[in-house]
């Protein structure tokens, strides 16, 4: 059941990245980055068994951010990729802050969700700090590595730069995050099991995102179709007022 759900989530998640690009262009991909890092940090607290092995949720959602930055790099610019990472980092900081406010407020007698929300956000500071740090570092390195490989190969072999940059950075992030977030909470052996399992899943997910990248490059040409066009050439005249 969990394996089938995981495959379905992957299809929905990666398709969502392409749809955000189609409907909203690079602004949609910026938005996806912010949403993905928040939802992934909520999901990652849940432990599940997939195909008989233990792992934390959030792998697919996190992996979708690599697809988003690779799309930004291919269709817009490497600067757009770096901007996306910065925006996602800002969204994550906002999530950490407001998660703490959520726990501090005292519920009234009609409240029925406070205990559940406290369970969700109980590890929020440690998990999200570890996640945020590794998310920013890994995605930043992914953008740089992707661009370096692209330059070295003369823009050829998109599948190669996509898989190498994503797998290397994602697996490194997965191991570092698991140790920082769960060591001491879970036995070290279980933490390593989660890290190894997560890395295997990350490699498979990275391979799976390549067709979506090619599909977007080949078939999604006219992007941002739901956005109203700005007059980018129009400048606002600011007059100086002397008193």
C-alpha atoms as a PDB file:
ATOM      1  CA  UNK A   1       0.000   0.000   0.000  1.00  0.00           C
ATOM      2  CA  UNK A   2       2.718   2.490   0.990  1.00  0.00           C
ATOM      3  CA  UNK A   3       4.781   1.673  -2.105  1.00  0.00           C
ATOM      4  CA  UNK A   4       1.814   2.332  -4.390  1.00  0.00           C
ATOM      5  CA  UNK A   5       1.070   5.564  -2.529  1.00  0.00           C
ATOM      6  CA  UNK A   6       4.704   6.619  -2.840  1.00  0.00           C
ATOM      7  CA  UNK A   7       4.687   6.078  -6.628  1.00  0.00           C
ATOM      8  CA  UNK A   8       1.410   7.968  -6.924  1.00  0.00           C
ATOM      9  CA  UNK A   9       2.755  10.842  -4.788  1.00  0.00           C
ATOM     10  CA  UNK A  10       5.849  11.024  -7.008  1.00  0.00           C
ATOM     11  CA  UNK A  11       3.748  11.327 -10.178  1.00  0.00           C
ATOM     12  CA  UNK A  12       1.441  13.927  -8.615  1.00  0.00           C
ATOM     13  CA  UNK A  13       4.340  15.875  -7.089  1.00  0.00           C
ATOM     14  CA  UNK A  14       6.533  16.072 -10.195  1.00  0.00           C
ATOM     15  CA  UNK A  15       3.525  16.781 -12.400  1.00  0.00           C
ATOM     16  CA  UNK A  16       2.668  19.599 -10.000  1.00  0.00           C
ATOM     17  CA  UNK A  17       6.087  21.157 -10.598  1.00  0.00           C
ATOM     18  CA  UNK A  18       5.479  21.143 -14.365  1.00  0.00           C
ATOM     19  CA  UNK A  19       1.974  22.571 -13.960  1.00  0.00           C
ATOM     20  CA  UNK A  20       3.237  25.398 -11.750  1.00  0.00           C
ATOM     21  CA  UNK A  21       5.762  26.235 -14.464  1.00  0.00           C
ATOM     22  CA  UNK A  22       3.128  26.061 -17.177  1.00  0.00           C
ATOM     23  CA  UNK A  23       0.588  28.213 -15.350  1.00  0.00           C
ATOM     24  CA  UNK A  24       2.841  30.644 -13.477  1.00  0.00           C
ATOM     25  CA  UNK A  25       6.312  30.423 -15.034  1.00  0.00           C
ATOM     26  CA  UNK A  26       9.312  30.932 -12.804  1.00  0.00           C
ATOM     27  CA  UNK A  27       7.085  32.535 -10.155  1.00  0.00           C
ATOM     28  CA  UNK A  28       5.189  29.269  -9.919  1.00  0.00           C
ATOM     29  CA  UNK A  29       8.443  27.373  -9.411  1.00  0.00           C
ATOM     30  CA  UNK A  30       9.490  29.850  -6.710  1.00  0.00           C
ATOM     31  CA  UNK A  31       6.142  29.229  -5.003  1.00  0.00           C
ATOM     32  CA  UNK A  32       6.566  25.467  -5.307  1.00  0.00           C
ATOM     33  CA  UNK A  33       9.966  25.663  -3.629  1.00  0.00           C
ATOM     34  CA  UNK A  34       8.488  27.521  -0.661  1.00  0.00           C
ATOM     35  CA  UNK A  35       5.525  25.157  -0.317  1.00  0.00           C
ATOM     36  CA  UNK A  36       7.617  22.016  -0.781  1.00  0.00           C
ATOM     37  CA  UNK A  37      10.132  22.845   1.938  1.00  0.00           C
ATOM     38  CA  UNK A  38       7.309  23.522   4.436  1.00  0.00           C
ATOM     39  CA  UNK A  39       5.260  20.408   3.615  1.00  0.00           C
ATOM     40  CA  UNK A  40       8.366  18.209   3.514  1.00  0.00           C
ATOM     41  CA  UNK A  41       9.284  19.342   7.021  1.00  0.00           C
ATOM     42  CA  UNK A  42       5.817  18.374   8.227  1.00  0.00           C
ATOM     43  CA  UNK A  43       5.937  15.002   6.477  1.00  0.00           C
ATOM     44  CA  UNK A  44       9.447  14.106   7.626  1.00  0.00           C
ATOM     45  CA  UNK A  45       8.309  13.603  11.227  1.00  0.00           C
ATOM     46  CA  UNK A  46       6.254  10.573  10.143  1.00  0.00           C
ATOM     47  CA  UNK A  47       8.044   7.217  10.007  1.00  0.00           C
ATOM     48  CA  UNK A  48       6.782   4.591   7.553  1.00  0.00           C
ATOM     49  CA  UNK A  49       7.741   1.242   6.052  1.00  0.00           C
ATOM     50  CA  UNK A  50       8.012   1.103   2.255  1.00  0.00           C
ATOM     51  CA  UNK A  51       8.822  -2.169   0.530  1.00  0.00           C
ATOM     52  CA  UNK A  52       9.726  -3.667   3.905  1.00  0.00           C
ATOM     53  CA  UNK A  53      12.229  -0.991   4.966  1.00  0.00           C
ATOM     54  CA  UNK A  54      11.876   1.974   7.328  1.00  0.00           C
ATOM     55  CA  UNK A  55      12.144   5.555   6.170  1.00  0.00           C
ATOM     56  CA  UNK A  56      10.819   9.023   6.911  1.00  0.00           C
ATOM     57  CA  UNK A  57       8.287  10.714   4.682  1.00  0.00           C
ATOM     58  CA  UNK A  58       9.190  13.876   2.812  1.00  0.00           C
ATOM     59  CA  UNK A  59      11.691  12.355   0.373  1.00  0.00           C
ATOM     60  CA  UNK A  60       9.497  12.936  -2.677  1.00  0.00           C
ATOM     61  CA  UNK A  61       8.591  16.475  -1.682  1.00  0.00           C
ATOM     62  CA  UNK A  62      12.214  17.372  -0.995  1.00  0.00           C
ATOM     63  CA  UNK A  63      13.295  15.760  -4.273  1.00  0.00           C
ATOM     64  CA  UNK A  64      10.794  17.905  -6.170  1.00  0.00           C
ATOM     65  CA  UNK A  65      12.795  20.993  -5.184  1.00  0.00           C
ATOM     66  CA  UNK A  66      15.750  19.659  -7.191  1.00  0.00           C
ATOM     67  CA  UNK A  67      13.487  19.233 -10.212  1.00  0.00           C
ATOM     68  CA  UNK A  68      12.280  22.804  -9.713  1.00  0.00           C
ATOM     69  CA  UNK A  69      15.794  24.275  -9.524  1.00  0.00           C
ATOM     70  CA  UNK A  70      16.928  22.219 -12.532  1.00  0.00           C
ATOM     71  CA  UNK A  71      13.939  23.506 -14.518  1.00  0.00           C
ATOM     72  CA  UNK A  72      14.757  27.060 -13.499  1.00  0.00           C
ATOM     73  CA  UNK A  73      18.360  26.525 -14.567  1.00  0.00           C
ATOM     74  CA  UNK A  74      17.399  25.060 -17.939  1.00  0.00           C
ATOM     75  CA  UNK A  75      14.522  27.358 -18.890  1.00  0.00           C
ATOM     76  CA  UNK A  76      15.390  30.612 -17.138  1.00  0.00           C
ATOM     77  CA  UNK A  77      18.879  31.019 -15.620  1.00  0.00           C
ATOM     78  CA  UNK A  78      21.190  29.788 -12.889  1.00  0.00           C
ATOM     79  CA  UNK A  79      20.435  33.038 -11.044  1.00  0.00           C
ATOM     80  CA  UNK A  80      16.761  32.055 -11.006  1.00  0.00           C
ATOM     81  CA  UNK A  81      17.755  28.726  -9.418  1.00  0.00           C
ATOM     82  CA  UNK A  82      19.708  30.461  -6.689  1.00  0.00           C
ATOM     83  CA  UNK A  83      16.848  32.889  -6.073  1.00  0.00           C
ATOM     84  CA  UNK A  84      14.509  29.924  -5.624  1.00  0.00           C
ATOM     85  CA  UNK A  85      16.751  28.452  -2.929  1.00  0.00           C
ATOM     86  CA  UNK A  86      16.832  31.806  -1.110  1.00  0.00           C
ATOM     87  CA  UNK A  87      13.033  32.119  -1.245  1.00  0.00           C
ATOM     88  CA  UNK A  88      12.607  28.573   0.070  1.00  0.00           C
ATOM     89  CA  UNK A  89      15.022  29.307   2.917  1.00  0.00           C
ATOM     90  CA  UNK A  90      12.938  32.349   3.848  1.00  0.00           C
ATOM     91  CA  UNK A  91       9.762  30.247   3.800  1.00  0.00           C
ATOM     92  CA  UNK A  92      11.383  27.683   6.065  1.00  0.00           C
ATOM     93  CA  UNK A  93      12.415  30.333   8.606  1.00  0.00           C
ATOM     94  CA  UNK A  94       8.836  31.630   8.620  1.00  0.00           C
ATOM     95  CA  UNK A  95       7.582  28.078   9.191  1.00  0.00           C
ATOM     96  CA  UNK A  96       9.901  27.566  12.171  1.00  0.00           C
ATOM     97  CA  UNK A  97       8.811  30.860  13.757  1.00  0.00           C
ATOM     98  CA  UNK A  98       5.073  30.352  13.340  1.00  0.00           C
ATOM     99  CA  UNK A  99       5.244  26.684  14.338  1.00  0.00           C
ATOM    100  CA  UNK A 100       6.496  27.894  17.712  1.00  0.00           C
ATOM    101  CA  UNK A 101       3.706  30.474  17.992  1.00  0.00           C
ATOM    102  CA  UNK A 102       1.217  27.684  17.282  1.00  0.00           C
ATOM    103  CA  UNK A 103       2.478  25.722  20.285  1.00  0.00           C
ATOM    104  CA  UNK A 104       2.653  28.689  22.659  1.00  0.00           C
ATOM    105  CA  UNK A 105      -0.932  29.906  22.274  1.00  0.00           C
ATOM    106  CA  UNK A 106      -3.203  28.514  25.009  1.00  0.00           C
ATOM    107  CA  UNK A 107      -6.235  26.692  23.563  1.00  0.00           C
ATOM    108  CA  UNK A 108      -9.739  27.329  24.861  1.00  0.00           C
ATOM    109  CA  UNK A 109     -12.257  24.738  26.007  1.00  0.00           C
ATOM    110  CA  UNK A 110     -13.644  24.230  22.494  1.00  0.00           C
ATOM    111  CA  UNK A 111     -10.287  23.315  20.931  1.00  0.00           C
ATOM    112  CA  UNK A 112      -9.822  19.732  19.704  1.00  0.00           C
ATOM    113  CA  UNK A 113      -6.572  19.970  17.700  1.00  0.00           C
ATOM    114  CA  UNK A 114      -3.997  21.419  20.111  1.00  0.00           C
ATOM    115  CA  UNK A 115      -2.547  18.085  21.260  1.00  0.00           C
ATOM    116  CA  UNK A 116      -2.233  16.841  17.693  1.00  0.00           C
ATOM    117  CA  UNK A 117      -0.560  20.037  16.543  1.00  0.00           C
ATOM    118  CA  UNK A 118       1.861  19.902  19.464  1.00  0.00           C
ATOM    119  CA  UNK A 119       2.805  16.374  18.430  1.00  0.00           C
ATOM    120  CA  UNK A 120       3.443  17.550  14.875  1.00  0.00           C
ATOM    121  CA  UNK A 121       5.493  20.558  15.932  1.00  0.00           C
ATOM    122  CA  UNK A 122       7.149  18.960  19.004  1.00  0.00           C
ATOM    123  CA  UNK A 123      10.402  18.274  17.121  1.00  0.00           C
ATOM    124  CA  UNK A 124       9.943  21.263  14.899  1.00  0.00           C
ATOM    125  CA  UNK A 125      12.960  23.317  16.015  1.00  0.00           C
ATOM    126  CA  UNK A 126      15.506  20.510  15.757  1.00  0.00           C
ATOM    127  CA  UNK A 127      14.106  18.876  12.624  1.00  0.00           C
ATOM    128  CA  UNK A 128      13.465  22.076  10.732  1.00  0.00           C
ATOM    129  CA  UNK A 129      16.820  23.587  11.725  1.00  0.00           C
ATOM    130  CA  UNK A 130      18.655  20.477  10.519  1.00  0.00           C
ATOM    131  CA  UNK A 131      16.414  20.278   7.481  1.00  0.00           C
ATOM    132  CA  UNK A 132      16.771  23.953   6.676  1.00  0.00           C
ATOM    133  CA  UNK A 133      20.536  23.952   6.958  1.00  0.00           C
ATOM    134  CA  UNK A 134      20.965  20.854   4.781  1.00  0.00           C
ATOM    135  CA  UNK A 135      18.238  21.954   2.376  1.00  0.00           C
ATOM    136  CA  UNK A 136      19.948  25.277   1.648  1.00  0.00           C
ATOM    137  CA  UNK A 137      23.423  23.762   1.405  1.00  0.00           C
ATOM    138  CA  UNK A 138      22.390  20.805  -0.760  1.00  0.00           C
ATOM    139  CA  UNK A 139      20.211  22.815  -3.136  1.00  0.00           C
ATOM    140  CA  UNK A 140      22.845  25.535  -3.429  1.00  0.00           C
ATOM    141  CA  UNK A 141      25.485  22.909  -4.232  1.00  0.00           C
ATOM    142  CA  UNK A 142      23.075  21.266  -6.669  1.00  0.00           C
ATOM    143  CA  UNK A 143      22.622  24.543  -8.559  1.00  0.00           C
ATOM    144  CA  UNK A 144      26.394  25.095  -8.730  1.00  0.00           C
ATOM    145  CA  UNK A 145      27.218  21.496  -9.694  1.00  0.00           C
ATOM    146  CA  UNK A 146      24.440  21.410 -12.301  1.00  0.00           C
ATOM    147  CA  UNK A 147      25.715  24.608 -13.904  1.00  0.00           C
ATOM    148  CA  UNK A 148      29.351  23.445 -13.845  1.00  0.00           C
ATOM    149  CA  UNK A 149      28.493  20.157 -15.565  1.00  0.00           C
ATOM    150  CA  UNK A 150      26.338  22.045 -18.072  1.00  0.00           C
ATOM    151  CA  UNK A 151      29.255  24.309 -18.938  1.00  0.00           C
ATOM    152  CA  UNK A 152      31.759  21.440 -19.137  1.00  0.00           C
ATOM    153  CA  UNK A 153      29.513  19.426 -21.489  1.00  0.00           C
ATOM    154  CA  UNK A 154      28.606  22.414 -23.634  1.00  0.00           C
ATOM    155  CA  UNK A 155      24.936  22.164 -22.697  1.00  0.00           C
ATOM    156  CA  UNK A 156      24.696  18.552 -23.869  1.00  0.00           C
ATOM    157  CA  UNK A 157      23.643  15.447 -21.932  1.00  0.00           C
ATOM    158  CA  UNK A 158      20.956  17.022 -19.750  1.00  0.00           C
ATOM    159  CA  UNK A 159      20.176  13.616 -18.230  1.00  0.00           C
ATOM    160  CA  UNK A 160      23.783  13.370 -16.975  1.00  0.00           C
ATOM    161  CA  UNK A 161      23.934  16.725 -15.175  1.00  0.00           C
ATOM    162  CA  UNK A 162      20.420  16.236 -13.828  1.00  0.00           C
ATOM    163  CA  UNK A 163      21.151  12.841 -12.271  1.00  0.00           C
ATOM    164  CA  UNK A 164      24.704  13.482 -11.064  1.00  0.00           C
ATOM    165  CA  UNK A 165      23.950  16.785  -9.354  1.00  0.00           C
ATOM    166  CA  UNK A 166      20.685  15.579  -7.828  1.00  0.00           C
ATOM    167  CA  UNK A 167      21.938  12.194  -6.605  1.00  0.00           C
ATOM    168  CA  UNK A 168      25.197  13.485  -5.122  1.00  0.00           C
ATOM    169  CA  UNK A 169      23.645  16.462  -3.334  1.00  0.00           C
ATOM    170  CA  UNK A 170      20.444  14.692  -2.303  1.00  0.00           C
ATOM    171  CA  UNK A 171      22.185  11.663  -0.797  1.00  0.00           C
ATOM    172  CA  UNK A 172      24.688  13.833   1.080  1.00  0.00           C
ATOM    173  CA  UNK A 173      21.814  15.937   2.414  1.00  0.00           C
ATOM    174  CA  UNK A 174      19.873  12.833   3.414  1.00  0.00           C
ATOM    175  CA  UNK A 175      22.680  11.359   5.542  1.00  0.00           C
ATOM    176  CA  UNK A 176      23.578  14.652   7.201  1.00  0.00           C
ATOM    177  CA  UNK A 177      19.948  15.544   7.921  1.00  0.00           C
ATOM    178  CA  UNK A 178      19.097  12.132   9.395  1.00  0.00           C
ATOM    179  CA  UNK A 179      21.992  12.247  11.850  1.00  0.00           C
ATOM    180  CA  UNK A 180      21.395  15.877  12.846  1.00  0.00           C
ATOM    181  CA  UNK A 181      17.623  15.487  13.185  1.00  0.00           C
ATOM    182  CA  UNK A 182      17.171  12.043  14.737  1.00  0.00           C
ATOM    183  CA  UNK A 183      20.401  10.988  16.520  1.00  0.00           C
ATOM    184  CA  UNK A 184      19.581  10.596  20.207  1.00  0.00           C
ATOM    185  CA  UNK A 185      15.860  10.462  19.507  1.00  0.00           C
ATOM    186  CA  UNK A 186      16.151   7.128  17.689  1.00  0.00           C
ATOM    187  CA  UNK A 187      18.927   4.510  18.062  1.00  0.00           C
ATOM    188  CA  UNK A 188      21.964   5.192  15.850  1.00  0.00           C
ATOM    189  CA  UNK A 189      21.416   1.935  13.965  1.00  0.00           C
ATOM    190  CA  UNK A 190      17.878   2.986  13.092  1.00  0.00           C
ATOM    191  CA  UNK A 191      19.117   6.442  12.025  1.00  0.00           C
ATOM    192  CA  UNK A 192      21.616   4.827   9.652  1.00  0.00           C
ATOM    193  CA  UNK A 193      18.885   2.532   8.338  1.00  0.00           C
ATOM    194  CA  UNK A 194      16.708   5.556   7.611  1.00  0.00           C
ATOM    195  CA  UNK A 195      19.655   7.335   5.948  1.00  0.00           C
ATOM    196  CA  UNK A 196      20.596   4.379   3.727  1.00  0.00           C
ATOM    197  CA  UNK A 197      16.993   3.644   2.813  1.00  0.00           C
ATOM    198  CA  UNK A 198      16.302   7.313   2.163  1.00  0.00           C
ATOM    199  CA  UNK A 199      19.380   7.589  -0.049  1.00  0.00           C
ATOM    200  CA  UNK A 200      18.292   4.579  -2.105  1.00  0.00           C
ATOM    201  CA  UNK A 201      14.861   6.118  -2.535  1.00  0.00           C
ATOM    202  CA  UNK A 202      16.470   9.458  -3.412  1.00  0.00           C
ATOM    203  CA  UNK A 203      18.508   7.821  -6.185  1.00  0.00           C
ATOM    204  CA  UNK A 204      15.416   6.174  -7.633  1.00  0.00           C
ATOM    205  CA  UNK A 205      13.446   9.408  -7.353  1.00  0.00           C
ATOM    206  CA  UNK A 206      16.271  11.362  -9.028  1.00  0.00           C
ATOM    207  CA  UNK A 207      16.202   8.962 -11.975  1.00  0.00           C
ATOM    208  CA  UNK A 208      12.420   9.298 -12.163  1.00  0.00           C
ATOM    209  CA  UNK A 209      12.503  13.104 -12.367  1.00  0.00           C
ATOM    210  CA  UNK A 210      14.616  13.054 -15.558  1.00  0.00           C
ATOM    211  CA  UNK A 211      11.688  12.248 -17.905  1.00  0.00           C
ATOM    212  CA  UNK A 212       9.716  15.124 -16.364  1.00  0.00           C
ATOM    213  CA  UNK A 213      12.629  17.483 -17.058  1.00  0.00           C
ATOM    214  CA  UNK A 214      12.832  16.379 -20.687  1.00  0.00           C
ATOM    215  CA  UNK A 215       9.052  16.565 -21.077  1.00  0.00           C
ATOM    216  CA  UNK A 216       9.062  20.133 -19.786  1.00  0.00           C
ATOM    217  CA  UNK A 217      11.910  21.191 -22.095  1.00  0.00           C
ATOM    218  CA  UNK A 218      10.285  19.628 -25.140  1.00  0.00           C
ATOM    219  CA  UNK A 219       6.582  20.287 -24.697  1.00  0.00           C
ATOM    220  CA  UNK A 220       6.087  23.118 -22.192  1.00  0.00           C
ATOM    221  CA  UNK A 221       7.186  26.160 -24.135  1.00  0.00           C
ATOM    222  CA  UNK A 222       4.642  28.861 -23.323  1.00  0.00           C
ATOM    223  CA  UNK A 223       4.825  29.259 -19.553  1.00  0.00           C
ATOM    224  CA  UNK A 224       3.104  31.572 -17.096  1.00  0.00           C
ATOM    225  CA  UNK A 225      -0.139  31.437 -19.060  1.00  0.00           C
ATOM    226  CA  UNK A 226      -2.312  32.463 -16.087  1.00  0.00           C
ATOM    227  CA  UNK A 227      -0.248  35.488 -15.144  1.00  0.00           C
ATOM    228  CA  UNK A 228      -1.053  38.988 -16.234  1.00  0.00           C
ATOM    229  CA  UNK A 229       1.821  40.490 -18.176  1.00  0.00           C
ATOM    230  CA  UNK A 230       3.831  43.200 -16.506  1.00  0.00           C
ATOM    231  CA  UNK A 231       5.250  46.108 -18.455  1.00  0.00           C
ATOM    232  CA  UNK A 232       8.850  45.357 -17.523  1.00  0.00           C
ATOM    233  CA  UNK A 233      10.130  48.284 -19.580  1.00  0.00           C
ATOM    234  CA  UNK A 234       8.020  50.811 -17.757  1.00  0.00           C
ATOM    235  CA  UNK A 235       9.917  52.661 -15.069  1.00  0.00           C
ATOM    236  CA  UNK A 236       8.379  54.630 -12.280  1.00  0.00           C
ATOM    237  CA  UNK A 237       9.411  58.257 -12.142  1.00  0.00           C
ATOM    238  CA  UNK A 238      10.117  59.370  -8.611  1.00  0.00           C
ATOM    239  CA  UNK A 239      10.227  63.113  -8.282  1.00  0.00           C
ATOM    240  CA  UNK A 240      12.241  64.786  -5.601  1.00  0.00           C
ATOM    241  CA  UNK A 241      10.305  67.003  -3.273  1.00  0.00           C
ATOM    242  CA  UNK A 242      12.163  69.890  -1.745  1.00  0.00           C
ATOM    243  CA  UNK A 243      10.900  71.620   1.312  1.00  0.00           C
END
